[in-house]
Amino acid sequence: MIKGFSIDWGSIVSVFTMLGVLVAAFQLRVSSKIAQSEFEDSIDQQYRDLTKGIPVDALIGREVSQDKKEFTRELIYNYLDLCNEQIFLRRKGRVRIDTWTDWCSGIESNLKKAEFQAVWAEVKREAPETFSFLEKLEAMNFVGDPKKW
């Protein structure tokens, strides 16, 4: 020990405890962001898996051949269900705003395509309110944040 100098072990322990808490908080934040990204990626993967089966003609806005109509109709219905779920997830705050913005743009774009329009019109006519979140988004011209509804 140096004459006139003493070590305050309590203060040193307090500093290291504070640093440990800060590191733990940082790690928790990073883990949370990773989990959020993985969750959003899993929804994106559902979209990719679903659209793999949709004929290219439908995806580029053309009508599909008659022999593929029913198959395409089923897949597009499942797509509409996924869209409704995406909106619900944003409404519940489970999806980040930048992810939502991308998804919303994609939904709007797809619903402008002929085959998607036909199935969407049929669903709204035959089973109104089946996809109430999607109906609301469309009524709002794909503008706004479902989290604020």
C-alpha atoms as a PDB file:
ATOM      1  CA  MET A   1       0.000   0.000   0.000  1.00  0.00           C
ATOM      2  CA  ILE A   2       1.204   3.479  -0.820  1.00  0.00           C
ATOM      3  CA  LYS A   3       1.351   5.812   2.127  1.00  0.00           C
ATOM      4  CA  GLY A   4      -1.779   7.961   2.212  1.00  0.00           C
ATOM      5  CA  PHE A   5      -3.538   5.898  -0.455  1.00  0.00           C
ATOM      6  CA  SER A   6      -6.069   3.222   0.251  1.00  0.00           C
ATOM      7  CA  ILE A   7      -8.149   1.126  -2.088  1.00  0.00           C
ATOM      8  CA  ASP A   8     -11.906   1.323  -1.720  1.00  0.00           C
ATOM      9  CA  TRP A   9     -12.842  -2.185  -2.753  1.00  0.00           C
ATOM     10  CA  GLY A  10     -16.547  -1.432  -2.430  1.00  0.00           C
ATOM     11  CA  SER A  11     -16.290   1.250  -5.116  1.00  0.00           C
ATOM     12  CA  ILE A  12     -14.306  -1.016  -7.415  1.00  0.00           C
ATOM     13  CA  VAL A  13     -16.856  -3.798  -7.001  1.00  0.00           C
ATOM     14  CA  SER A  14     -19.671  -1.296  -7.714  1.00  0.00           C
ATOM     15  CA  VAL A  15     -17.980  -0.145 -10.937  1.00  0.00           C
ATOM     16  CA  PHE A  16     -17.486  -3.710 -12.159  1.00  0.00           C
ATOM     17  CA  THR A  17     -21.064  -4.592 -11.229  1.00  0.00           C
ATOM     18  CA  MET A  18     -22.317  -1.612 -13.219  1.00  0.00           C
ATOM     19  CA  LEU A  19     -20.164  -2.622 -16.189  1.00  0.00           C
ATOM     20  CA  GLY A  20     -21.515  -6.171 -15.971  1.00  0.00           C
ATOM     21  CA  VAL A  21     -25.090  -4.892 -15.984  1.00  0.00           C
ATOM     22  CA  LEU A  22     -24.369  -2.695 -19.010  1.00  0.00           C
ATOM     23  CA  VAL A  23     -22.787  -5.599 -20.921  1.00  0.00           C
ATOM     24  CA  ALA A  24     -25.749  -7.847 -20.056  1.00  0.00           C
ATOM     25  CA  ALA A  25     -28.218  -5.178 -21.198  1.00  0.00           C
ATOM     26  CA  PHE A  26     -26.308  -4.770 -24.463  1.00  0.00           C
ATOM     27  CA  GLN A  27     -26.288  -8.532 -25.047  1.00  0.00           C
ATOM     28  CA  LEU A  28     -30.011  -8.721 -24.325  1.00  0.00           C
ATOM     29  CA  ARG A  29     -30.694  -5.962 -26.852  1.00  0.00           C
ATOM     30  CA  VAL A  30     -28.578  -7.656 -29.511  1.00  0.00           C
ATOM     31  CA  SER A  31     -30.270 -11.009 -28.834  1.00  0.00           C
ATOM     32  CA  SER A  32     -33.671  -9.363 -29.114  1.00  0.00           C
ATOM     33  CA  LYS A  33     -32.802  -7.816 -32.480  1.00  0.00           C
ATOM     34  CA  ILE A  34     -31.518 -11.148 -33.762  1.00  0.00           C
ATOM     35  CA  ALA A  35     -34.703 -12.907 -32.629  1.00  0.00           C
ATOM     36  CA  GLN A  36     -36.802 -10.192 -34.319  1.00  0.00           C
ATOM     37  CA  SER A  37     -34.891 -10.611 -37.575  1.00  0.00           C
ATOM     38  CA  GLU A  38     -35.208 -14.393 -37.451  1.00  0.00           C
ATOM     39  CA  PHE A  39     -38.961 -14.114 -36.856  1.00  0.00           C
ATOM     40  CA  GLU A  40     -39.433 -11.706 -39.771  1.00  0.00           C
ATOM     41  CA  ASP A  41     -37.227 -13.914 -41.959  1.00  0.00           C
ATOM     42  CA  SER A  42     -39.450 -16.900 -41.157  1.00  0.00           C
ATOM     43  CA  ILE A  43     -42.468 -14.972 -42.468  1.00  0.00           C
ATOM     44  CA  ASP A  44     -40.476 -14.003 -45.567  1.00  0.00           C
ATOM     45  CA  GLN A  45     -39.629 -17.681 -46.050  1.00  0.00           C
ATOM     46  CA  GLN A  46     -43.329 -18.565 -45.917  1.00  0.00           C
ATOM     47  CA  TYR A  47     -43.903 -16.017 -48.691  1.00  0.00           C
ATOM     48  CA  ARG A  48     -41.078 -17.436 -50.806  1.00  0.00           C
ATOM     49  CA  ASP A  49     -42.293 -21.009 -50.316  1.00  0.00           C
ATOM     50  CA  LEU A  50     -45.823 -20.027 -51.269  1.00  0.00           C
ATOM     51  CA  THR A  51     -44.891 -18.034 -54.350  1.00  0.00           C
ATOM     52  CA  LYS A  52     -42.683 -20.828 -55.690  1.00  0.00           C
ATOM     53  CA  GLY A  53     -45.867 -22.651 -56.617  1.00  0.00           C
ATOM     54  CA  ILE A  54     -47.658 -19.713 -58.207  1.00  0.00           C
ATOM     55  CA  PRO A  55     -47.230 -19.740 -61.991  1.00  0.00           C
ATOM     56  CA  VAL A  56     -44.885 -17.088 -63.322  1.00  0.00           C
ATOM     57  CA  ASP A  57     -47.638 -15.658 -65.510  1.00  0.00           C
ATOM     58  CA  ALA A  58     -49.655 -14.789 -62.395  1.00  0.00           C
ATOM     59  CA  LEU A  59     -46.602 -13.276 -60.686  1.00  0.00           C
ATOM     60  CA  ILE A  60     -45.861 -10.993 -63.639  1.00  0.00           C
ATOM     61  CA  GLY A  61     -49.459  -9.885 -64.005  1.00  0.00           C
ATOM     62  CA  ARG A  62     -50.684 -12.088 -66.821  1.00  0.00           C
ATOM     63  CA  GLU A  63     -53.610 -14.463 -66.732  1.00  0.00           C
ATOM     64  CA  VAL A  64     -52.703 -18.104 -66.266  1.00  0.00           C
ATOM     65  CA  SER A  65     -53.830 -20.848 -68.600  1.00  0.00           C
ATOM     66  CA  GLN A  66     -57.198 -22.417 -67.876  1.00  0.00           C
ATOM     67  CA  ASP A  67     -55.652 -25.687 -66.727  1.00  0.00           C
ATOM     68  CA  LYS A  68     -53.714 -23.851 -63.979  1.00  0.00           C
ATOM     69  CA  LYS A  69     -56.536 -21.560 -62.808  1.00  0.00           C
ATOM     70  CA  GLU A  70     -57.805 -23.659 -59.892  1.00  0.00           C
ATOM     71  CA  PHE A  71     -54.330 -24.484 -58.601  1.00  0.00           C
ATOM     72  CA  THR A  72     -53.321 -20.824 -58.840  1.00  0.00           C
ATOM     73  CA  ARG A  73     -56.535 -19.747 -57.126  1.00  0.00           C
ATOM     74  CA  GLU A  74     -55.753 -21.944 -54.105  1.00  0.00           C
ATOM     75  CA  LEU A  75     -52.221 -20.587 -53.787  1.00  0.00           C
ATOM     76  CA  ILE A  76     -53.360 -16.990 -54.110  1.00  0.00           C
ATOM     77  CA  TYR A  77     -55.970 -17.578 -51.411  1.00  0.00           C
ATOM     78  CA  ASN A  78     -53.161 -18.839 -49.154  1.00  0.00           C
ATOM     79  CA  TYR A  79     -51.150 -15.763 -50.094  1.00  0.00           C
ATOM     80  CA  LEU A  80     -54.055 -13.516 -49.048  1.00  0.00           C
ATOM     81  CA  ASP A  81     -54.170 -15.349 -45.734  1.00  0.00           C
ATOM     82  CA  LEU A  82     -50.443 -14.735 -45.246  1.00  0.00           C
ATOM     83  CA  CYS A  83     -50.929 -11.038 -46.067  1.00  0.00           C
ATOM     84  CA  ASN A  84     -53.683 -10.771 -43.493  1.00  0.00           C
ATOM     85  CA  GLU A  85     -51.362 -12.405 -40.942  1.00  0.00           C
ATOM     86  CA  GLN A  86     -48.547  -9.978 -41.808  1.00  0.00           C
ATOM     87  CA  ILE A  87     -50.867  -7.039 -41.170  1.00  0.00           C
ATOM     88  CA  PHE A  88     -52.012  -8.578 -37.886  1.00  0.00           C
ATOM     89  CA  LEU A  89     -48.392  -9.078 -36.797  1.00  0.00           C
ATOM     90  CA  ARG A  90     -47.563  -5.437 -37.532  1.00  0.00           C
ATOM     91  CA  ARG A  91     -50.693  -4.351 -35.665  1.00  0.00           C
ATOM     92  CA  LYS A  92     -49.478  -6.296 -32.618  1.00  0.00           C
ATOM     93  CA  GLY A  93     -46.014  -4.722 -32.887  1.00  0.00           C
ATOM     94  CA  ARG A  94     -44.290  -7.986 -33.776  1.00  0.00           C
ATOM     95  CA  VAL A  95     -42.832  -6.557 -37.003  1.00  0.00           C
ATOM     96  CA  ARG A  96     -40.504  -3.573 -37.399  1.00  0.00           C
ATOM     97  CA  ILE A  97     -41.714  -0.568 -39.377  1.00  0.00           C
ATOM     98  CA  ASP A  98     -39.078  -0.948 -42.107  1.00  0.00           C
ATOM     99  CA  THR A  99     -40.075  -4.576 -42.618  1.00  0.00           C
ATOM    100  CA  TRP A 100     -43.738  -3.604 -42.646  1.00  0.00           C
ATOM    101  CA  THR A 101     -43.096  -0.917 -45.260  1.00  0.00           C
ATOM    102  CA  ASP A 102     -41.512  -3.514 -47.560  1.00  0.00           C
ATOM    103  CA  TRP A 103     -44.299  -6.030 -46.979  1.00  0.00           C
ATOM    104  CA  CYS A 104     -47.013  -3.430 -47.557  1.00  0.00           C
ATOM    105  CA  SER A 105     -45.451  -2.388 -50.839  1.00  0.00           C
ATOM    106  CA  GLY A 106     -45.308  -6.015 -51.962  1.00  0.00           C
ATOM    107  CA  ILE A 107     -48.913  -6.664 -50.978  1.00  0.00           C
ATOM    108  CA  GLU A 108     -50.086  -3.622 -52.905  1.00  0.00           C
ATOM    109  CA  SER A 109     -48.058  -4.623 -55.935  1.00  0.00           C
ATOM    110  CA  ASN A 110     -49.349  -8.198 -55.979  1.00  0.00           C
ATOM    111  CA  LEU A 111     -52.977  -7.195 -55.527  1.00  0.00           C
ATOM    112  CA  LYS A 112     -52.730  -5.167 -58.748  1.00  0.00           C
ATOM    113  CA  LYS A 113     -51.967  -8.317 -60.776  1.00  0.00           C
ATOM    114  CA  ALA A 114     -54.821  -9.913 -62.744  1.00  0.00           C
ATOM    115  CA  GLU A 115     -54.987 -13.328 -61.060  1.00  0.00           C
ATOM    116  CA  PHE A 116     -54.552 -11.844 -57.588  1.00  0.00           C
ATOM    117  CA  GLN A 117     -57.277  -9.268 -58.309  1.00  0.00           C
ATOM    118  CA  ALA A 118     -59.677 -11.989 -59.433  1.00  0.00           C
ATOM    119  CA  VAL A 119     -59.202 -14.158 -56.344  1.00  0.00           C
ATOM    120  CA  TRP A 120     -59.250 -11.150 -54.009  1.00  0.00           C
ATOM    121  CA  ALA A 121     -62.510  -9.902 -55.560  1.00  0.00           C
ATOM    122  CA  GLU A 122     -64.024 -13.375 -55.200  1.00  0.00           C
ATOM    123  CA  VAL A 123     -63.036 -13.623 -51.533  1.00  0.00           C
ATOM    124  CA  LYS A 124     -64.436 -10.185 -50.729  1.00  0.00           C
ATOM    125  CA  ARG A 125     -67.667 -11.035 -52.548  1.00  0.00           C
ATOM    126  CA  GLU A 126     -68.174 -14.606 -51.315  1.00  0.00           C
ATOM    127  CA  ALA A 127     -66.643 -14.411 -47.835  1.00  0.00           C
ATOM    128  CA  PRO A 128     -66.549 -10.791 -46.704  1.00  0.00           C
ATOM    129  CA  GLU A 129     -64.520 -10.058 -43.600  1.00  0.00           C
ATOM    130  CA  THR A 130     -62.489 -13.261 -44.023  1.00  0.00           C
ATOM    131  CA  PHE A 131     -59.390 -11.119 -44.300  1.00  0.00           C
ATOM    132  CA  SER A 132     -60.545  -8.030 -42.438  1.00  0.00           C
ATOM    133  CA  PHE A 133     -57.068  -6.594 -41.895  1.00  0.00           C
ATOM    134  CA  LEU A 134     -56.292  -6.864 -45.606  1.00  0.00           C
ATOM    135  CA  GLU A 135     -59.623  -5.265 -46.473  1.00  0.00           C
ATOM    136  CA  LYS A 136     -58.855  -2.361 -44.150  1.00  0.00           C
ATOM    137  CA  LEU A 137     -55.376  -1.892 -45.603  1.00  0.00           C
ATOM    138  CA  GLU A 138     -56.835  -1.812 -49.105  1.00  0.00           C
ATOM    139  CA  ALA A 139     -59.532   0.655 -48.027  1.00  0.00           C
ATOM    140  CA  MET A 140     -56.745   2.889 -46.697  1.00  0.00           C
ATOM    141  CA  ASN A 141     -54.979   2.709 -50.092  1.00  0.00           C
ATOM    142  CA  PHE A 142     -52.056   0.812 -48.549  1.00  0.00           C
ATOM    143  CA  VAL A 143     -51.068   3.873 -46.556  1.00  0.00           C
ATOM    144  CA  GLY A 144     -50.577   3.961 -42.843  1.00  0.00           C
ATOM    145  CA  ASP A 145     -49.304   1.754 -40.102  1.00  0.00           C
ATOM    146  CA  PRO A 146     -51.585  -1.002 -38.772  1.00  0.00           C
ATOM    147  CA  LYS A 147     -49.922  -0.555 -35.396  1.00  0.00           C
ATOM    148  CA  LYS A 148     -51.674   2.835 -35.196  1.00  0.00           C
ATOM    149  CA  TRP A 149     -55.134   1.586 -36.179  1.00  0.00           C
END
